[in-house]
Amino acid sequence: MRTLLLLATLPVLAFSQASTGTITGTIHDATGAVIPAAKVTITNKGTNVSSEWVTGDGGTFLAPTLIPGSYQVTAEKQGFKKSLADG
């Protein structure tokens, strides 16, 4: 089974008035090839509320308007091991 690699970033918000954040990322395999149509699940660790996204043709995803907090991000696709980013 091949491994998915998850690269997710949580940008720092520049304005103190902002009440939401965004998580973006790219899913790729060990060779660096991007993985389209991977399921990405983003879970707020404080509320246990999850949302699901699917990567586009370039292996990227964008989860906007998330409330501030600590998140766990998982990526999965058939034929690959599940990948996890926590914190």
PDB file of N, CA and C in Angstrom:
ATOM      1  N   MET A   1       0.842  -1.172   0.000  1.00  0.00           N
ATOM      2  CA  MET A   1       0.000   0.000   0.000  1.00  0.00           C
ATOM      3  C   MET A   1       0.892   1.241   0.000  1.00  0.00           C
ATOM      4  N   ARG A   2       0.598   2.175  -0.855  1.00  0.00           N
ATOM      5  CA  ARG A   2       1.357   3.420  -0.951  1.00  0.00           C
ATOM      6  C   ARG A   2       0.924   4.389   0.145  1.00  0.00           C
ATOM      7  N   THR A   3       1.746   5.372   0.397  1.00  0.00           N
ATOM      8  CA  THR A   3       1.479   6.338   1.461  1.00  0.00           C
ATOM      9  C   THR A   3       1.122   7.695   0.884  1.00  0.00           C
ATOM     10  N   LEU A   4       0.075   8.306   1.452  1.00  0.00           N
ATOM     11  CA  LEU A   4      -0.282   9.685   1.130  1.00  0.00           C
ATOM     12  C   LEU A   4       0.494  10.605   2.049  1.00  0.00           C
ATOM     13  N   LEU A   5       0.970  11.698   1.529  1.00  0.00           N
ATOM     14  CA  LEU A   5       1.632  12.719   2.335  1.00  0.00           C
ATOM     15  C   LEU A   5       0.761  13.954   2.333  1.00  0.00           C
ATOM     16  N   LEU A   6       0.584  14.533   3.492  1.00  0.00           N
ATOM     17  CA  LEU A   6      -0.299  15.673   3.659  1.00  0.00           C
ATOM     18  C   LEU A   6       0.528  16.882   4.046  1.00  0.00           C
ATOM     19  N   LEU A   7       0.400  17.940   3.280  1.00  0.00           N
ATOM     20  CA  LEU A   7       1.048  19.197   3.611  1.00  0.00           C
ATOM     21  C   LEU A   7      -0.057  20.223   3.805  1.00  0.00           C
ATOM     22  N   ALA A   8      -0.313  20.579   5.040  1.00  0.00           N
ATOM     23  CA  ALA A   8      -1.385  21.528   5.342  1.00  0.00           C
ATOM     24  C   ALA A   8      -0.792  22.732   6.044  1.00  0.00           C
ATOM     25  N   THR A   9      -1.361  23.884   5.758  1.00  0.00           N
ATOM     26  CA  THR A   9      -0.900  25.109   6.406  1.00  0.00           C
ATOM     27  C   THR A   9      -2.096  25.851   6.969  1.00  0.00           C
ATOM     28  N   LEU A  10      -1.895  26.485   8.092  1.00  0.00           N
ATOM     29  CA  LEU A  10      -2.910  27.349   8.684  1.00  0.00           C
ATOM     30  C   LEU A  10      -2.319  28.747   8.731  1.00  0.00           C
ATOM     31  N   PRO A  11      -2.697  29.579   7.768  1.00  0.00           N
ATOM     32  CA  PRO A  11      -2.111  30.924   7.719  1.00  0.00           C
ATOM     33  C   PRO A  11      -2.442  31.733   8.966  1.00  0.00           C
ATOM     34  N   VAL A  12      -1.531  32.585   9.373  1.00  0.00           N
ATOM     35  CA  VAL A  12      -1.771  33.501  10.482  1.00  0.00           C
ATOM     36  C   VAL A  12      -2.659  34.622   9.975  1.00  0.00           C
ATOM     37  N   LEU A  13      -3.685  34.931  10.724  1.00  0.00           N
ATOM     38  CA  LEU A  13      -4.594  35.994  10.315  1.00  0.00           C
ATOM     39  C   LEU A  13      -3.964  37.349  10.637  1.00  0.00           C
ATOM     40  N   ALA A  14      -4.033  38.255   9.685  1.00  0.00           N
ATOM     41  CA  ALA A  14      -3.355  39.536   9.817  1.00  0.00           C
ATOM     42  C   ALA A  14      -4.191  40.578  10.559  1.00  0.00           C
ATOM     43  N   PHE A  15      -5.482  40.385  10.640  1.00  0.00           N
ATOM     44  CA  PHE A  15      -6.344  41.388  11.232  1.00  0.00           C
ATOM     45  C   PHE A  15      -6.982  40.849  12.498  1.00  0.00           C
ATOM     46  N   SER A  16      -6.957  41.626  13.550  1.00  0.00           N
ATOM     47  CA  SER A  16      -7.522  41.182  14.813  1.00  0.00           C
ATOM     48  C   SER A  16      -9.044  41.043  14.743  1.00  0.00           C
ATOM     49  N   GLN A  17      -9.700  41.677  13.772  1.00  0.00           N
ATOM     50  CA  GLN A  17     -11.144  41.583  13.634  1.00  0.00           C
ATOM     51  C   GLN A  17     -11.583  40.244  13.021  1.00  0.00           C
ATOM     52  N   ALA A  18     -10.662  39.537  12.402  1.00  0.00           N
ATOM     53  CA  ALA A  18     -11.013  38.285  11.742  1.00  0.00           C
ATOM     54  C   ALA A  18     -11.433  37.253  12.777  1.00  0.00           C
ATOM     55  N   SER A  19     -12.533  36.563  12.508  1.00  0.00           N
ATOM     56  CA  SER A  19     -13.017  35.558  13.452  1.00  0.00           C
ATOM     57  C   SER A  19     -12.991  34.159  12.855  1.00  0.00           C
ATOM     58  N   THR A  20     -12.412  34.019  11.671  1.00  0.00           N
ATOM     59  CA  THR A  20     -12.296  32.708  11.049  1.00  0.00           C
ATOM     60  C   THR A  20     -10.911  32.544  10.440  1.00  0.00           C
ATOM     61  N   GLY A  21     -10.583  31.307  10.144  1.00  0.00           N
ATOM     62  CA  GLY A  21      -9.312  31.013   9.506  1.00  0.00           C
ATOM     63  C   GLY A  21      -9.509  30.038   8.358  1.00  0.00           C
ATOM     64  N   THR A  22      -8.433  29.725   7.679  1.00  0.00           N
ATOM     65  CA  THR A  22      -8.467  28.847   6.517  1.00  0.00           C
ATOM     66  C   THR A  22      -7.360  27.815   6.639  1.00  0.00           C
ATOM     67  N   ILE A  23      -7.661  26.594   6.258  1.00  0.00           N
ATOM     68  CA  ILE A  23      -6.640  25.563   6.135  1.00  0.00           C
ATOM     69  C   ILE A  23      -6.557  25.188   4.664  1.00  0.00           C
ATOM     70  N   THR A  24      -5.361  25.236   4.108  1.00  0.00           N
ATOM     71  CA  THR A  24      -5.126  24.814   2.735  1.00  0.00           C
ATOM     72  C   THR A  24      -4.055  23.740   2.743  1.00  0.00           C
ATOM     73  N   GLY A  25      -4.015  22.956   1.706  1.00  0.00           N
ATOM     74  CA  GLY A  25      -2.988  21.931   1.646  1.00  0.00           C
ATOM     75  C   GLY A  25      -2.916  21.253   0.299  1.00  0.00           C
ATOM     76  N   THR A  26      -1.890  20.449   0.144  1.00  0.00           N
ATOM     77  CA  THR A  26      -1.679  19.655  -1.065  1.00  0.00           C
ATOM     78  C   THR A  26      -1.409  18.226  -0.646  1.00  0.00           C
ATOM     79  N   ILE A  27      -2.051  17.293  -1.300  1.00  0.00           N
ATOM     80  CA  ILE A  27      -1.863  15.873  -1.033  1.00  0.00           C
ATOM     81  C   ILE A  27      -1.015  15.295  -2.158  1.00  0.00           C
ATOM     82  N   HIS A  28       0.050  14.598  -1.775  1.00  0.00           N
ATOM     83  CA  HIS A  28       0.906  13.968  -2.780  1.00  0.00           C
ATOM     84  C   HIS A  28       1.419  12.651  -2.238  1.00  0.00           C
ATOM     85  N   ASP A  29       1.966  11.817  -3.124  1.00  0.00           N
ATOM     86  CA  ASP A  29       2.520  10.532  -2.693  1.00  0.00           C
ATOM     87  C   ASP A  29       4.004  10.680  -2.405  1.00  0.00           C
ATOM     88  N   ALA A  30       4.647   9.573  -2.065  1.00  0.00           N
ATOM     89  CA  ALA A  30       6.058   9.611  -1.682  1.00  0.00           C
ATOM     90  C   ALA A  30       6.975  10.057  -2.812  1.00  0.00           C
ATOM     91  N   THR A  31       6.526   9.937  -4.054  1.00  0.00           N
ATOM     92  CA  THR A  31       7.345  10.371  -5.190  1.00  0.00           C
ATOM     93  C   THR A  31       7.158  11.854  -5.493  1.00  0.00           C
ATOM     94  N   GLY A  32       6.169  12.485  -4.827  1.00  0.00           N
ATOM     95  CA  GLY A  32       5.889  13.898  -5.068  1.00  0.00           C
ATOM     96  C   GLY A  32       4.739  14.132  -6.031  1.00  0.00           C
ATOM     97  N   ALA A  33       4.182  13.051  -6.593  1.00  0.00           N
ATOM     98  CA  ALA A  33       3.043  13.203  -7.505  1.00  0.00           C
ATOM     99  C   ALA A  33       1.803  13.617  -6.712  1.00  0.00           C
ATOM    100  N   VAL A  34       1.067  14.601  -7.222  1.00  0.00           N
ATOM    101  CA  VAL A  34      -0.141  15.057  -6.538  1.00  0.00           C
ATOM    102  C   VAL A  34      -1.235  14.003  -6.654  1.00  0.00           C
ATOM    103  N   ILE A  35      -2.131  13.996  -5.670  1.00  0.00           N
ATOM    104  CA  ILE A  35      -3.208  13.015  -5.615  1.00  0.00           C
ATOM    105  C   ILE A  35      -4.553  13.735  -5.746  1.00  0.00           C
ATOM    106  N   PRO A  36      -5.167  13.709  -6.934  1.00  0.00           N
ATOM    107  CA  PRO A  36      -6.497  14.300  -7.080  1.00  0.00           C
ATOM    108  C   PRO A  36      -7.545  13.373  -6.474  1.00  0.00           C
ATOM    109  N   ALA A  37      -8.683  13.935  -6.128  1.00  0.00           N
ATOM    110  CA  ALA A  37      -9.852  13.204  -5.623  1.00  0.00           C
ATOM    111  C   ALA A  37      -9.581  12.445  -4.327  1.00  0.00           C
ATOM    112  N   ALA A  38      -8.657  12.953  -3.504  1.00  0.00           N
ATOM    113  CA  ALA A  38      -8.447  12.387  -2.170  1.00  0.00           C
ATOM    114  C   ALA A  38      -9.441  13.050  -1.220  1.00  0.00           C
ATOM    115  N   LYS A  39      -9.970  12.278  -0.280  1.00  0.00           N
ATOM    116  CA  LYS A  39     -10.897  12.830   0.714  1.00  0.00           C
ATOM    117  C   LYS A  39     -10.089  13.404   1.874  1.00  0.00           C
ATOM    118  N   VAL A  40     -10.373  14.659   2.204  1.00  0.00           N
ATOM    119  CA  VAL A  40      -9.713  15.348   3.309  1.00  0.00           C
ATOM    120  C   VAL A  40     -10.772  15.649   4.361  1.00  0.00           C
ATOM    121  N   THR A  41     -10.521  15.198   5.590  1.00  0.00           N
ATOM    122  CA  THR A  41     -11.446  15.460   6.696  1.00  0.00           C
ATOM    123  C   THR A  41     -10.748  16.371   7.694  1.00  0.00           C
ATOM    124  N   ILE A  42     -11.399  17.481   8.022  1.00  0.00           N
ATOM    125  CA  ILE A  42     -10.854  18.462   8.950  1.00  0.00           C
ATOM    126  C   ILE A  42     -11.754  18.477  10.176  1.00  0.00           C
ATOM    127  N   THR A  43     -11.167  18.180  11.343  1.00  0.00           N
ATOM    128  CA  THR A  43     -11.931  18.068  12.582  1.00  0.00           C
ATOM    129  C   THR A  43     -11.424  19.064  13.612  1.00  0.00           C
ATOM    130  N   ASN A  44     -12.334  19.884  14.125  1.00  0.00           N
ATOM    131  CA  ASN A  44     -12.009  20.800  15.207  1.00  0.00           C
ATOM    132  C   ASN A  44     -11.886  19.969  16.475  1.00  0.00           C
ATOM    133  N   LYS A  45     -10.712  19.965  17.090  1.00  0.00           N
ATOM    134  CA  LYS A  45     -10.466  19.115  18.253  1.00  0.00           C
ATOM    135  C   LYS A  45     -11.226  19.572  19.495  1.00  0.00           C
ATOM    136  N   GLY A  46     -11.599  20.833  19.565  1.00  0.00           N
ATOM    137  CA  GLY A  46     -12.345  21.346  20.711  1.00  0.00           C
ATOM    138  C   GLY A  46     -13.830  21.032  20.650  1.00  0.00           C
ATOM    139  N   THR A  47     -14.401  21.068  19.442  1.00  0.00           N
ATOM    140  CA  THR A  47     -15.838  20.846  19.286  1.00  0.00           C
ATOM    141  C   THR A  47     -16.167  19.485  18.682  1.00  0.00           C
ATOM    142  N   ASN A  48     -15.167  18.809  18.131  1.00  0.00           N
ATOM    143  CA  ASN A  48     -15.324  17.523  17.442  1.00  0.00           C
ATOM    144  C   ASN A  48     -16.209  17.635  16.198  1.00  0.00           C
ATOM    145  N   VAL A  49     -16.342  18.843  15.647  1.00  0.00           N
ATOM    146  CA  VAL A  49     -17.109  19.053  14.415  1.00  0.00           C
ATOM    147  C   VAL A  49     -16.164  18.849  13.233  1.00  0.00           C
ATOM    148  N   SER A  50     -16.617  18.054  12.252  1.00  0.00           N
ATOM    149  CA  SER A  50     -15.796  17.733  11.082  1.00  0.00           C
ATOM    150  C   SER A  50     -16.421  18.267   9.812  1.00  0.00           C
ATOM    151  N   SER A  51     -15.563  18.552   8.839  1.00  0.00           N
ATOM    152  CA  SER A  51     -16.022  18.877   7.490  1.00  0.00           C
ATOM    153  C   SER A  51     -15.156  18.091   6.517  1.00  0.00           C
ATOM    154  N   GLU A  52     -15.730  17.752   5.381  1.00  0.00           N
ATOM    155  CA  GLU A  52     -15.011  16.959   4.386  1.00  0.00           C
ATOM    156  C   GLU A  52     -14.838  17.752   3.102  1.00  0.00           C
ATOM    157  N   TRP A  53     -13.673  17.535   2.473  1.00  0.00           N
ATOM    158  CA  TRP A  53     -13.316  18.195   1.233  1.00  0.00           C
ATOM    159  C   TRP A  53     -12.701  17.158   0.314  1.00  0.00           C
ATOM    160  N   VAL A  54     -12.681  17.428  -0.963  1.00  0.00           N
ATOM    161  CA  VAL A  54     -12.050  16.539  -1.944  1.00  0.00           C
ATOM    162  C   VAL A  54     -11.016  17.359  -2.705  1.00  0.00           C
ATOM    163  N   THR A  55      -9.810  16.798  -2.863  1.00  0.00           N
ATOM    164  CA  THR A  55      -8.770  17.532  -3.572  1.00  0.00           C
ATOM    165  C   THR A  55      -9.117  17.657  -5.051  1.00  0.00           C
ATOM    166  N   GLY A  56      -8.677  18.750  -5.633  1.00  0.00           N
ATOM    167  CA  GLY A  56      -8.885  19.001  -7.054  1.00  0.00           C
ATOM    168  C   GLY A  56      -7.834  18.302  -7.899  1.00  0.00           C
ATOM    169  N   ASP A  57      -7.805  18.629  -9.170  1.00  0.00           N
ATOM    170  CA  ASP A  57      -6.868  18.008 -10.111  1.00  0.00           C
ATOM    171  C   ASP A  57      -5.408  18.188  -9.704  1.00  0.00           C
ATOM    172  N   GLY A  58      -5.085  19.282  -9.032  1.00  0.00           N
ATOM    173  CA  GLY A  58      -3.723  19.543  -8.605  1.00  0.00           C
ATOM    174  C   GLY A  58      -3.407  19.006  -7.220  1.00  0.00           C
ATOM    175  N   GLY A  59      -4.325  18.206  -6.642  1.00  0.00           N
ATOM    176  CA  GLY A  59      -4.099  17.629  -5.325  1.00  0.00           C
ATOM    177  C   GLY A  59      -4.300  18.597  -4.175  1.00  0.00           C
ATOM    178  N   THR A  60      -4.881  19.773  -4.450  1.00  0.00           N
ATOM    179  CA  THR A  60      -5.026  20.793  -3.418  1.00  0.00           C
ATOM    180  C   THR A  60      -6.439  20.837  -2.853  1.00  0.00           C
ATOM    181  N   PHE A  61      -6.548  21.361  -1.636  1.00  0.00           N
ATOM    182  CA  PHE A  61      -7.849  21.596  -1.015  1.00  0.00           C
ATOM    183  C   PHE A  61      -7.801  22.928  -0.283  1.00  0.00           C
ATOM    184  N   LEU A  62      -8.964  23.494  -0.047  1.00  0.00           N
ATOM    185  CA  LEU A  62      -9.109  24.761   0.657  1.00  0.00           C
ATOM    186  C   LEU A  62     -10.326  24.648   1.559  1.00  0.00           C
ATOM    187  N   ALA A  63     -10.121  24.841   2.849  1.00  0.00           N
ATOM    188  CA  ALA A  63     -11.218  24.825   3.818  1.00  0.00           C
ATOM    189  C   ALA A  63     -11.316  26.211   4.444  1.00  0.00           C
ATOM    190  N   PRO A  64     -12.224  27.052   3.940  1.00  0.00           N
ATOM    191  CA  PRO A  64     -12.328  28.427   4.445  1.00  0.00           C
ATOM    192  C   PRO A  64     -13.282  28.527   5.632  1.00  0.00           C
ATOM    193  N   THR A  65     -13.294  29.671   6.245  1.00  0.00           N
ATOM    194  CA  THR A  65     -14.212  30.071   7.318  1.00  0.00           C
ATOM    195  C   THR A  65     -14.292  29.066   8.469  1.00  0.00           C
ATOM    196  N   LEU A  66     -13.138  28.616   8.930  1.00  0.00           N
ATOM    197  CA  LEU A  66     -13.086  27.744  10.096  1.00  0.00           C
ATOM    198  C   LEU A  66     -12.958  28.604  11.350  1.00  0.00           C
ATOM    199  N   ILE A  67     -13.653  28.206  12.416  1.00  0.00           N
ATOM    200  CA  ILE A  67     -13.524  28.963  13.657  1.00  0.00           C
ATOM    201  C   ILE A  67     -12.137  28.714  14.247  1.00  0.00           C
ATOM    202  N   PRO A  68     -11.583  29.672  14.956  1.00  0.00           N
ATOM    203  CA  PRO A  68     -10.256  29.475  15.546  1.00  0.00           C
ATOM    204  C   PRO A  68     -10.238  28.263  16.469  1.00  0.00           C
ATOM    205  N   GLY A  69      -9.151  27.532  16.441  1.00  0.00           N
ATOM    206  CA  GLY A  69      -9.009  26.360  17.295  1.00  0.00           C
ATOM    207  C   GLY A  69      -7.914  25.451  16.797  1.00  0.00           C
ATOM    208  N   SER A  70      -7.823  24.300  17.420  1.00  0.00           N
ATOM    209  CA  SER A  70      -6.852  23.286  17.039  1.00  0.00           C
ATOM    210  C   SER A  70      -7.566  22.252  16.171  1.00  0.00           C
ATOM    211  N   TYR A  71      -6.930  21.876  15.064  1.00  0.00           N
ATOM    212  CA  TYR A  71      -7.566  20.990  14.099  1.00  0.00           C
ATOM    213  C   TYR A  71      -6.723  19.752  13.823  1.00  0.00           C
ATOM    214  N   GLN A  72      -7.422  18.691  13.475  1.00  0.00           N
ATOM    215  CA  GLN A  72      -6.792  17.466  12.982  1.00  0.00           C
ATOM    216  C   GLN A  72      -7.232  17.311  11.525  1.00  0.00           C
ATOM    217  N   VAL A  73      -6.265  17.042  10.652  1.00  0.00           N
ATOM    218  CA  VAL A  73      -6.559  16.902   9.222  1.00  0.00           C
ATOM    219  C   VAL A  73      -6.119  15.515   8.787  1.00  0.00           C
ATOM    220  N   THR A  74      -7.034  14.779   8.149  1.00  0.00           N
ATOM    221  CA  THR A  74      -6.690  13.471   7.602  1.00  0.00           C
ATOM    222  C   THR A  74      -6.945  13.473   6.105  1.00  0.00           C
ATOM    223  N   ALA A  75      -6.161  12.697   5.393  1.00  0.00           N
ATOM    224  CA  ALA A  75      -6.333  12.540   3.950  1.00  0.00           C
ATOM    225  C   ALA A  75      -6.348  11.050   3.659  1.00  0.00           C
ATOM    226  N   GLU A  76      -7.253  10.642   2.783  1.00  0.00           N
ATOM    227  CA  GLU A  76      -7.321   9.238   2.422  1.00  0.00           C
ATOM    228  C   GLU A  76      -7.818   9.065   0.989  1.00  0.00           C
ATOM    229  N   LYS A  77      -7.339   7.976   0.394  1.00  0.00           N
ATOM    230  CA  LYS A  77      -7.771   7.585  -0.937  1.00  0.00           C
ATOM    231  C   LYS A  77      -7.494   6.099  -1.070  1.00  0.00           C
ATOM    232  N   GLN A  78      -8.399   5.406  -1.739  1.00  0.00           N
ATOM    233  CA  GLN A  78      -8.249   3.970  -1.913  1.00  0.00           C
ATOM    234  C   GLN A  78      -6.887   3.651  -2.536  1.00  0.00           C
ATOM    235  N   GLY A  79      -6.208   2.641  -1.981  1.00  0.00           N
ATOM    236  CA  GLY A  79      -4.901   2.248  -2.481  1.00  0.00           C
ATOM    237  C   GLY A  79      -3.739   2.917  -1.768  1.00  0.00           C
ATOM    238  N   PHE A  80      -4.043   3.857  -0.839  1.00  0.00           N
ATOM    239  CA  PHE A  80      -3.027   4.575  -0.083  1.00  0.00           C
ATOM    240  C   PHE A  80      -3.299   4.426   1.404  1.00  0.00           C
ATOM    241  N   LYS A  81      -2.239   4.534   2.215  1.00  0.00           N
ATOM    242  CA  LYS A  81      -2.409   4.600   3.654  1.00  0.00           C
ATOM    243  C   LYS A  81      -2.945   5.969   4.033  1.00  0.00           C
ATOM    244  N   LYS A  82      -3.770   6.019   5.056  1.00  0.00           N
ATOM    245  CA  LYS A  82      -4.321   7.263   5.551  1.00  0.00           C
ATOM    246  C   LYS A  82      -3.208   8.133   6.128  1.00  0.00           C
ATOM    247  N   SER A  83      -3.285   9.446   5.876  1.00  0.00           N
ATOM    248  CA  SER A  83      -2.301  10.398   6.384  1.00  0.00           C
ATOM    249  C   SER A  83      -2.975  11.318   7.394  1.00  0.00           C
ATOM    250  N   LEU A  84      -2.222  11.724   8.426  1.00  0.00           N
ATOM    251  CA  LEU A  84      -2.780  12.526   9.506  1.00  0.00           C
ATOM    252  C   LEU A  84      -1.840  13.678   9.843  1.00  0.00           C
ATOM    253  N   ALA A  85      -2.419  14.873   9.985  1.00  0.00           N
ATOM    254  CA  ALA A  85      -1.699  16.039  10.517  1.00  0.00           C
ATOM    255  C   ALA A  85      -2.500  16.506  11.724  1.00  0.00           C
ATOM    256  N   ASP A  86      -1.853  16.642  12.864  1.00  0.00           N
ATOM    257  CA  ASP A  86      -2.556  16.957  14.106  1.00  0.00           C
ATOM    258  C   ASP A  86      -1.931  18.170  14.779  1.00  0.00           C
ATOM    259  N   GLY A  87      -2.792  19.129  15.130  1.00  0.00           N
ATOM    260  CA  GLY A  87      -2.290  20.286  15.873  1.00  0.00           C
ATOM    261  C   GLY A  87      -2.404  21.569  15.111  1.00  0.00           C
TER     262      GLY A  87
END
